[in-house]
Amino acid sequence: MEVIKHNPQPEAPITITPEEYDDILALGSLVGDELQRYRQDNRWAWNLAAAMAFLLGAESVVLFLVAYGVIAL
């Protein structure tokens, strides 16, 4: 594999061999799979954070009601 140097005005059109084309498609597939896995992991974390925020809010409401004497524990 050769390093491609930046040339702002190429003299000839760039050609891609079928092997390079297949490598590019395989790399794109790997990146897509990793992105999907990352999104699934991230979704799990956001759901956990939402559940914890709900529990914190519910606890705050109960403590507020106890502080004002509406309910007694």
N, C-alpha and C. Protein backbone atom coordinates (compact mmCIF):
# COMPACT_ATOMS: atom_id res chain seq x y z
N MET A 1 0.85 -1.17 0.00
CA MET A 1 0.00 0.00 0.00
C MET A 1 0.90 1.23 0.00
N GLU A 2 0.63 2.14 -0.88
CA GLU A 2 1.43 3.35 -0.99
C GLU A 2 0.71 4.53 -0.35
N VAL A 3 1.48 5.47 0.13
CA VAL A 3 0.91 6.69 0.69
C VAL A 3 0.51 7.60 -0.45
N ILE A 4 -0.70 8.13 -0.40
CA ILE A 4 -1.17 9.05 -1.43
C ILE A 4 -0.84 10.46 -0.99
N LYS A 5 -0.08 11.17 -1.78
CA LYS A 5 0.30 12.54 -1.45
C LYS A 5 -0.73 13.51 -2.03
N HIS A 6 -0.95 14.57 -1.31
CA HIS A 6 -1.93 15.57 -1.76
C HIS A 6 -1.37 16.34 -2.95
N ASN A 7 -2.16 16.38 -4.00
CA ASN A 7 -1.78 17.13 -5.19
C ASN A 7 -3.01 17.95 -5.58
N PRO A 8 -3.00 19.26 -5.39
CA PRO A 8 -4.20 20.06 -5.64
C PRO A 8 -4.66 20.02 -7.09
N GLN A 9 -3.75 19.83 -8.03
CA GLN A 9 -4.13 19.76 -9.44
C GLN A 9 -3.51 18.50 -10.05
N PRO A 10 -4.21 17.38 -9.94
CA PRO A 10 -3.63 16.15 -10.49
C PRO A 10 -3.50 16.23 -12.01
N GLU A 11 -2.43 15.65 -12.50
CA GLU A 11 -2.17 15.68 -13.93
C GLU A 11 -2.97 14.61 -14.66
N ALA A 12 -3.22 13.50 -13.99
CA ALA A 12 -3.96 12.41 -14.61
C ALA A 12 -5.09 12.00 -13.66
N PRO A 13 -6.17 11.48 -14.20
CA PRO A 13 -7.25 11.03 -13.30
C PRO A 13 -6.78 9.86 -12.43
N ILE A 14 -7.31 9.80 -11.24
CA ILE A 14 -6.95 8.73 -10.31
C ILE A 14 -7.75 7.49 -10.66
N THR A 15 -7.05 6.38 -10.78
CA THR A 15 -7.73 5.12 -11.07
C THR A 15 -7.64 4.21 -9.85
N ILE A 16 -8.68 3.45 -9.64
CA ILE A 16 -8.74 2.52 -8.52
C ILE A 16 -8.87 1.12 -9.09
N THR A 17 -8.00 0.25 -8.64
CA THR A 17 -8.05 -1.14 -9.11
C THR A 17 -9.23 -1.85 -8.45
N PRO A 18 -9.68 -2.95 -9.03
CA PRO A 18 -10.79 -3.70 -8.40
C PRO A 18 -10.44 -4.18 -6.99
N GLU A 19 -9.18 -4.51 -6.75
CA GLU A 19 -8.78 -4.95 -5.41
C GLU A 19 -8.90 -3.79 -4.40
N GLU A 20 -8.47 -2.61 -4.82
CA GLU A 20 -8.60 -1.44 -3.95
C GLU A 20 -10.06 -1.10 -3.71
N TYR A 21 -10.88 -1.25 -4.73
CA TYR A 21 -12.31 -0.99 -4.60
C TYR A 21 -12.93 -1.94 -3.57
N ASP A 22 -12.56 -3.22 -3.65
CA ASP A 22 -13.07 -4.20 -2.68
C ASP A 22 -12.58 -3.88 -1.27
N ASP A 23 -11.32 -3.42 -1.14
CA ASP A 23 -10.79 -3.04 0.17
C ASP A 23 -11.55 -1.85 0.75
N ILE A 24 -11.88 -0.89 -0.10
CA ILE A 24 -12.63 0.29 0.35
C ILE A 24 -14.02 -0.11 0.83
N LEU A 25 -14.68 -1.00 0.10
CA LEU A 25 -16.01 -1.47 0.51
C LEU A 25 -15.94 -2.25 1.82
N ALA A 26 -14.91 -3.08 1.98
CA ALA A 26 -14.76 -3.85 3.22
C ALA A 26 -14.52 -2.92 4.40
N LEU A 27 -13.69 -1.91 4.20
CA LEU A 27 -13.41 -0.94 5.26
C LEU A 27 -14.69 -0.18 5.64
N GLY A 28 -15.47 0.22 4.65
CA GLY A 28 -16.73 0.90 4.93
C GLY A 28 -17.69 0.02 5.70
N SER A 29 -17.72 -1.26 5.40
CA SER A 29 -18.58 -2.19 6.12
C SER A 29 -18.14 -2.32 7.57
N LEU A 30 -16.82 -2.41 7.79
CA LEU A 30 -16.31 -2.50 9.17
C LEU A 30 -16.64 -1.25 9.97
N VAL A 31 -16.48 -0.09 9.36
CA VAL A 31 -16.78 1.18 10.05
C VAL A 31 -18.27 1.25 10.36
N GLY A 32 -19.11 0.83 9.43
CA GLY A 32 -20.55 0.84 9.67
C GLY A 32 -20.95 -0.06 10.81
N ASP A 33 -20.33 -1.26 10.89
CA ASP A 33 -20.63 -2.18 11.99
C ASP A 33 -20.21 -1.60 13.33
N GLU A 34 -19.03 -0.99 13.37
CA GLU A 34 -18.55 -0.38 14.62
C GLU A 34 -19.45 0.78 15.04
N LEU A 35 -19.90 1.58 14.10
CA LEU A 35 -20.78 2.70 14.42
C LEU A 35 -22.11 2.21 14.97
N GLN A 36 -22.65 1.15 14.38
CA GLN A 36 -23.91 0.60 14.87
C GLN A 36 -23.74 0.04 16.29
N ARG A 37 -22.62 -0.65 16.55
CA ARG A 37 -22.36 -1.18 17.89
C ARG A 37 -22.21 -0.05 18.90
N TYR A 38 -21.54 1.03 18.51
CA TYR A 38 -21.37 2.18 19.40
C TYR A 38 -22.72 2.81 19.73
N ARG A 39 -23.58 2.92 18.73
CA ARG A 39 -24.91 3.51 18.98
C ARG A 39 -25.73 2.65 19.91
N GLN A 40 -25.63 1.33 19.79
CA GLN A 40 -26.38 0.44 20.68
C GLN A 40 -25.87 0.58 22.11
N ASP A 41 -24.54 0.63 22.29
CA ASP A 41 -23.97 0.81 23.63
C ASP A 41 -24.39 2.15 24.20
N ASN A 42 -24.37 3.18 23.38
CA ASN A 42 -24.73 4.52 23.81
C ASN A 42 -26.20 4.59 24.20
N ARG A 43 -27.07 3.91 23.45
CA ARG A 43 -28.50 3.91 23.75
C ARG A 43 -28.74 3.29 25.13
N TRP A 44 -28.02 2.23 25.45
CA TRP A 44 -28.16 1.58 26.75
C TRP A 44 -27.79 2.54 27.87
N ALA A 45 -26.72 3.29 27.68
CA ALA A 45 -26.29 4.25 28.70
C ALA A 45 -27.31 5.37 28.87
N TRP A 46 -27.88 5.87 27.76
CA TRP A 46 -28.88 6.93 27.86
C TRP A 46 -30.14 6.43 28.55
N ASN A 47 -30.54 5.18 28.30
CA ASN A 47 -31.72 4.63 28.97
C ASN A 47 -31.47 4.50 30.47
N LEU A 48 -30.27 4.09 30.84
CA LEU A 48 -29.93 4.00 32.25
C LEU A 48 -29.95 5.38 32.91
N ALA A 49 -29.41 6.37 32.23
CA ALA A 49 -29.40 7.73 32.76
C ALA A 49 -30.83 8.26 32.93
N ALA A 50 -31.70 7.96 31.97
CA ALA A 50 -33.09 8.41 32.07
C ALA A 50 -33.80 7.75 33.25
N ALA A 51 -33.54 6.47 33.47
CA ALA A 51 -34.16 5.77 34.60
C ALA A 51 -33.66 6.35 35.92
N MET A 52 -32.37 6.65 36.00
CA MET A 52 -31.83 7.22 37.24
C MET A 52 -32.40 8.62 37.48
N ALA A 53 -32.57 9.41 36.44
CA ALA A 53 -33.15 10.75 36.59
C ALA A 53 -34.59 10.65 37.07
N PHE A 54 -35.34 9.67 36.55
CA PHE A 54 -36.72 9.49 36.99
C PHE A 54 -36.77 9.13 38.47
N LEU A 55 -35.88 8.21 38.89
CA LEU A 55 -35.87 7.82 40.31
C LEU A 55 -35.47 8.99 41.21
N LEU A 56 -34.52 9.78 40.78
CA LEU A 56 -34.12 10.95 41.55
C LEU A 56 -35.26 11.95 41.67
N GLY A 57 -35.99 12.15 40.58
CA GLY A 57 -37.14 13.06 40.61
C GLY A 57 -38.24 12.55 41.52
N ALA A 58 -38.51 11.26 41.47
CA ALA A 58 -39.55 10.68 42.33
C ALA A 58 -39.16 10.80 43.80
N GLU A 59 -37.89 10.57 44.11
CA GLU A 59 -37.42 10.70 45.48
C GLU A 59 -37.53 12.15 45.95
N SER A 60 -37.22 13.08 45.07
CA SER A 60 -37.31 14.50 45.43
C SER A 60 -38.76 14.90 45.74
N VAL A 61 -39.69 14.40 44.96
CA VAL A 61 -41.11 14.71 45.21
C VAL A 61 -41.54 14.17 46.57
N VAL A 62 -41.14 12.95 46.88
CA VAL A 62 -41.50 12.36 48.18
C VAL A 62 -40.91 13.18 49.32
N LEU A 63 -39.63 13.56 49.19
CA LEU A 63 -39.01 14.37 50.25
C LEU A 63 -39.68 15.74 50.38
N PHE A 64 -40.10 16.32 49.28
CA PHE A 64 -40.81 17.60 49.30
C PHE A 64 -42.13 17.46 50.06
N LEU A 65 -42.87 16.39 49.76
CA LEU A 65 -44.15 16.17 50.45
C LEU A 65 -43.95 15.90 51.93
N VAL A 66 -42.91 15.20 52.30
CA VAL A 66 -42.62 14.94 53.71
C VAL A 66 -42.25 16.24 54.41
N ALA A 67 -41.45 17.08 53.74
CA ALA A 67 -41.01 18.35 54.35
C ALA A 67 -42.19 19.26 54.65
N TYR A 68 -43.20 19.25 53.81
CA TYR A 68 -44.36 20.12 54.03
C TYR A 68 -45.48 19.43 54.79
N GLY A 69 -45.22 18.21 55.26
CA GLY A 69 -46.20 17.53 56.12
C GLY A 69 -47.37 16.95 55.39
N VAL A 70 -47.32 16.82 54.09
CA VAL A 70 -48.44 16.26 53.34
C VAL A 70 -48.52 14.76 53.61
N ILE A 71 -47.37 14.11 53.68
CA ILE A 71 -47.34 12.69 54.00
C ILE A 71 -46.33 12.49 55.12
N ALA A 72 -46.51 11.40 55.86
CA ALA A 72 -45.59 11.07 56.97
C ALA A 72 -45.03 9.68 56.70
N LEU A 73 -43.74 9.57 56.90
CA LEU A 73 -43.12 8.25 56.69
C LEU A 73 -43.07 7.47 57.96
